[in-house]
Protein backbone atom coordinates (compact mmCIF):
# COMPACT_ATOMS: atom_id res chain seq x y z
CA UNK A 1 25.88 37.78 -182.41
CA UNK A 2 24.66 39.97 -179.50
CA UNK A 3 23.07 42.98 -180.95
CA UNK A 4 21.32 44.59 -177.89
CA UNK A 5 22.52 44.71 -174.26
CA UNK A 6 20.39 46.14 -171.46
CA UNK A 7 21.88 46.88 -168.00
CA UNK A 8 21.15 48.87 -164.88
CA UNK A 9 18.25 46.86 -163.32
CA UNK A 10 18.21 45.85 -159.70
CA UNK A 11 16.15 45.81 -156.42
CA UNK A 12 14.87 49.14 -155.29
CA UNK A 13 12.50 50.43 -152.77
CA UNK A 14 9.16 52.14 -153.68
CA UNK A 15 9.88 55.81 -154.53
CA UNK A 16 13.51 55.07 -155.50
CA UNK A 17 15.28 55.51 -158.85
CA UNK A 18 17.14 53.49 -161.38
CA UNK A 19 18.81 54.39 -164.67
CA UNK A 20 18.81 51.72 -167.43
CA UNK A 21 21.02 51.64 -170.36
CA UNK A 22 20.96 49.89 -173.67
CA UNK A 23 23.83 49.42 -176.05
CA UNK A 24 22.77 48.42 -179.53
CA UNK A 25 24.72 47.55 -182.62
CA UNK A 26 24.92 50.30 -185.07
CA UNK A 27 22.69 48.39 -187.53
CA UNK A 28 20.00 48.37 -185.09
CA UNK A 29 20.38 51.81 -183.60
CA UNK A 30 21.41 54.19 -186.42
CA UNK A 31 18.78 56.68 -187.25
CA UNK A 32 16.01 54.41 -185.98
CA UNK A 33 13.31 55.40 -183.52
CA UNK A 34 14.15 53.31 -180.31
CA UNK A 35 11.88 52.33 -177.42
CA UNK A 36 11.99 50.75 -173.97
CA UNK A 37 9.59 47.76 -173.30
CA UNK A 38 8.81 45.95 -170.15
CA UNK A 39 7.36 42.54 -169.47
CA UNK A 40 5.87 41.73 -166.10
CA UNK A 41 5.17 38.19 -164.94
CA UNK A 42 2.06 36.78 -166.73
CA UNK A 43 1.61 39.83 -168.98
CA UNK A 44 2.52 40.70 -172.47
CA UNK A 45 5.54 42.92 -173.36
CA UNK A 46 4.55 46.44 -173.54
CA UNK A 47 6.13 49.56 -175.09
CA UNK A 48 6.48 52.17 -172.32
CA UNK A 49 8.68 54.89 -173.94
CA UNK A 50 9.80 55.81 -177.37
CA UNK A 51 12.41 58.19 -178.72
CA UNK A 52 12.95 59.41 -182.39
CA UNK A 53 16.30 59.74 -183.96
CA UNK A 54 16.24 63.43 -183.32
CA UNK A 55 15.20 63.09 -179.73
CA UNK A 56 11.45 63.50 -179.64
CA UNK A 57 9.92 61.37 -176.95
CA UNK A 58 6.61 59.74 -176.00
CA UNK A 59 5.43 57.73 -173.12
CA UNK A 60 2.57 55.60 -171.97
CA UNK A 61 0.40 57.08 -169.32
CA UNK A 62 1.57 54.76 -166.52
CA UNK A 63 5.10 56.21 -166.69
CA UNK A 64 4.59 59.69 -167.91
CA UNK A 65 6.13 62.23 -165.43
CA UNK A 66 8.27 59.48 -163.76
CA UNK A 67 10.32 58.03 -166.53
CA UNK A 68 12.58 59.81 -169.02
CA UNK A 69 14.06 58.19 -172.16
CA UNK A 70 17.07 59.61 -173.88
CA UNK A 71 19.62 58.56 -176.41
CA UNK A 72 23.39 59.11 -177.20
CA UNK A 73 23.76 58.59 -180.96
CA UNK A 74 27.53 58.78 -180.71
CA UNK A 75 27.49 55.79 -178.29
CA UNK A 76 24.59 53.81 -179.82
CA UNK A 77 23.08 53.88 -176.44
CA UNK A 78 19.54 54.43 -175.14
CA UNK A 79 18.77 55.31 -171.52
CA UNK A 80 15.74 55.11 -169.22
CA UNK A 81 15.78 57.17 -166.19
CA UNK A 82 13.09 55.86 -163.77
CA UNK A 83 11.97 57.89 -160.75
CA UNK A 84 9.28 57.37 -158.16
CA UNK A 85 9.20 53.66 -158.75
CA UNK A 86 6.22 51.62 -157.81
CA UNK A 87 5.62 48.06 -157.22
CA UNK A 88 3.69 47.76 -160.50
CA UNK A 89 6.97 48.82 -162.37
CA UNK A 90 8.55 45.53 -161.45
CA UNK A 91 9.30 43.79 -164.73
CA UNK A 92 12.02 42.74 -167.03
CA UNK A 93 12.91 45.80 -169.19
CA UNK A 94 14.04 45.51 -172.84
CA UNK A 95 15.00 47.89 -175.61
CA UNK A 96 14.63 47.57 -179.31
CA UNK A 97 13.45 49.57 -182.16
CA UNK A 98 10.00 51.32 -181.88
CA UNK A 99 7.80 48.57 -183.19
CA UNK A 100 5.03 51.11 -184.10
CA UNK A 101 7.29 52.48 -186.88
CA UNK A 102 10.02 49.94 -187.46
CA UNK A 103 10.70 46.30 -187.75
CA UNK A 104 11.96 44.84 -184.48
CA UNK A 105 15.42 43.61 -184.13
CA UNK A 106 16.35 40.54 -182.26
CA UNK A 107 15.63 40.82 -178.46
CA UNK A 108 18.33 41.13 -175.82
CA UNK A 109 18.10 39.41 -172.46
CA UNK A 110 16.61 42.48 -170.72
CA UNK A 111 17.40 43.69 -167.35
CA UNK A 112 15.33 42.76 -164.27
CA UNK A 113 13.77 45.67 -162.21
CA UNK A 114 12.23 44.77 -158.85
CA UNK A 115 10.46 47.25 -156.69
CA UNK A 116 9.90 46.04 -153.38
CA UNK A 117 10.14 47.14 -149.71
């Protein structure tokens, strides 16, 4: 049973923008803090942005000021608006519960973001 589906990735030039979406089953999403993660080749999966159930957000330094996480509780959807993309943002992006405060659900397939000229 698929519980998380990420979409919106693609190939973009440096400086460009993408908007990622994540639709989660209600059992995963409802009232839970959610987060976006990414995993670059050869690196561990890292949490880059989190959002609480009431919309408070937090980011790692490397994406602060460029990425914006948001959620639509009525649609069980989390978004990640990514602006001013850099080569080092290239990774597979995943969403899940915020592992700092909640148990993780099963991972989805993620969505590939490639930043290249």
